[in-house]
C-alpha atoms as a PDB file:
ATOM      1  CA  MET A   1      49.165  39.867 -12.421  1.00  0.00           C
ATOM      2  CA  SER A   2      52.359  38.727 -10.860  1.00  0.00           C
ATOM      3  CA  ARG A   3      53.093  39.533  -7.275  1.00  0.00           C
ATOM      4  CA  LYS A   4      56.426  40.999  -8.287  1.00  0.00           C
ATOM      5  CA  ILE A   5      54.766  43.744 -10.345  1.00  0.00           C
ATOM      6  CA  LYS A   6      52.302  44.474  -7.537  1.00  0.00           C
ATOM      7  CA  ARG A   7      55.140  44.796  -5.045  1.00  0.00           C
ATOM      8  CA  ILE A   8      57.084  47.100  -7.356  1.00  0.00           C
ATOM      9  CA  VAL A   9      54.053  49.342  -7.906  1.00  0.00           C
ATOM     10  CA  ALA A  10      53.286  49.382  -4.166  1.00  0.00           C
ATOM     11  CA  LEU A  11      56.900  50.231  -3.309  1.00  0.00           C
ATOM     12  CA  LEU A  12      56.902  52.975  -5.929  1.00  0.00           C
ATOM     13  CA  GLY A  13      53.737  54.428  -4.392  1.00  0.00           C
ATOM     14  CA  VAL A  14      55.258  54.391  -0.899  1.00  0.00           C
ATOM     15  CA  ILE A  15      58.447  56.065  -2.140  1.00  0.00           C
ATOM     16  CA  ILE A  16      56.435  58.778  -3.903  1.00  0.00           C
ATOM     17  CA  LEU A  17      54.293  59.456  -0.817  1.00  0.00           C
ATOM     18  CA  VAL A  18      57.283  59.580   1.533  1.00  0.00           C
ATOM     19  CA  GLY A  19      59.083  61.913  -0.860  1.00  0.00           C
ATOM     20  CA  LEU A  20      55.968  64.057  -1.079  1.00  0.00           C
ATOM     21  CA  TYR A  21      55.751  64.521   2.685  1.00  0.00           C
ATOM     22  CA  LEU A  22      59.496  65.077   2.975  1.00  0.00           C
ATOM     23  CA  ALA A  23      59.279  67.780   0.300  1.00  0.00           C
ATOM     24  CA  THR A  24      56.290  69.310   2.125  1.00  0.00           C
ATOM     25  CA  LEU A  25      58.270  69.451   5.363  1.00  0.00           C
ATOM     26  CA  ILE A  26      61.311  71.019   3.699  1.00  0.00           C
ATOM     27  CA  LEU A  27      59.232  73.561   1.787  1.00  0.00           C
ATOM     28  CA  ALA A  28      57.347  74.483   4.972  1.00  0.00           C
ATOM     29  CA  PHE A  29      60.651  75.528   6.516  1.00  0.00           C
ATOM     30  CA  VAL A  30      61.733  77.403   3.390  1.00  0.00           C
ATOM     31  CA  ASP A  31      58.513  79.409   3.051  1.00  0.00           C
ATOM     32  CA  PRO A  32      56.329  79.202   6.201  1.00  0.00           C
ATOM     33  CA  THR A  33      53.631  81.406   4.669  1.00  0.00           C
ATOM     34  CA  GLU A  34      52.870  78.696   2.093  1.00  0.00           C
ATOM     35  CA  ALA A  35      53.123  75.740   4.496  1.00  0.00           C
ATOM     36  CA  LYS A  36      49.349  75.375   4.765  1.00  0.00           C
ATOM     37  CA  ASN A  37      48.980  75.148   0.987  1.00  0.00           C
ATOM     38  CA  TRP A  38      51.778  72.569   0.738  1.00  0.00           C
ATOM     39  CA  LEU A  39      50.089  70.458   3.409  1.00  0.00           C
ATOM     40  CA  LYS A  40      46.760  70.648   1.567  1.00  0.00           C
ATOM     41  CA  ALA A  41      48.451  69.541  -1.645  1.00  0.00           C
ATOM     42  CA  ALA A  42      50.164  66.652   0.153  1.00  0.00           C
ATOM     43  CA  VAL A  43      46.886  65.459   1.678  1.00  0.00           C
ATOM     44  CA  VAL A  44      45.132  65.574  -1.698  1.00  0.00           C
ATOM     45  CA  CYS A  45      47.993  63.652  -3.323  1.00  0.00           C
ATOM     46  CA  THR A  46      47.833  61.087  -0.522  1.00  0.00           C
ATOM     47  CA  ILE A  47      44.372  60.231  -1.806  1.00  0.00           C
ATOM     48  CA  ILE A  48      44.967  60.671  -5.538  1.00  0.00           C
ATOM     49  CA  ILE A  49      48.254  58.750  -5.925  1.00  0.00           C
ATOM     50  CA  PRO A  50      46.956  55.417  -4.538  1.00  0.00           C
ATOM     51  CA  VAL A  51      43.805  55.792  -6.648  1.00  0.00           C
ATOM     52  CA  PHE A  52      45.935  56.227  -9.778  1.00  0.00           C
ATOM     53  CA  PHE A  53      48.059  53.209  -8.898  1.00  0.00           C
ATOM     54  CA  TYR A  54      44.928  51.135  -8.286  1.00  0.00           C
ATOM     55  CA  ALA A  55      43.497  52.260 -11.619  1.00  0.00           C
ATOM     56  CA  TYR A  56      46.794  51.355 -13.290  1.00  0.00           C
ATOM     57  CA  LEU A  57      46.640  47.864 -11.806  1.00  0.00           C
ATOM     58  CA  LEU A  58      43.018  47.425 -12.954  1.00  0.00           C
ATOM     59  CA  ILE A  59      43.827  48.569 -16.479  1.00  0.00           C
ATOM     60  CA  TYR A  60      46.920  46.376 -16.613  1.00  0.00           C
ATOM     61  CA  ARG A  61      44.921  43.364 -15.444  1.00  0.00           C
ATOM     62  CA  ASN A  62      42.188  43.944 -18.050  1.00  0.00           C
ATOM     63  CA  LEU A  63      44.618  44.554 -20.921  1.00  0.00           C
ATOM     64  CA  LYS A  64      46.617  41.472 -20.042  1.00  0.00           C
ATOM     65  CA  LYS A  65      43.554  39.242 -20.601  1.00  0.00           C
END
């Protein structure tokens, strides 16, 4: 797999995670009663999103062969 594709996927993952936490922060100010739930969702997505990107890279590498 080319390094360019890996960098693009990694940058996309970082942008998604930063956007996720920014949205969590904004929504916590909009509705403080739900802030705890938004934080839980953000933490879960922090684990799930990189796993999905890693799985995507593995599948891409295997299909390319």
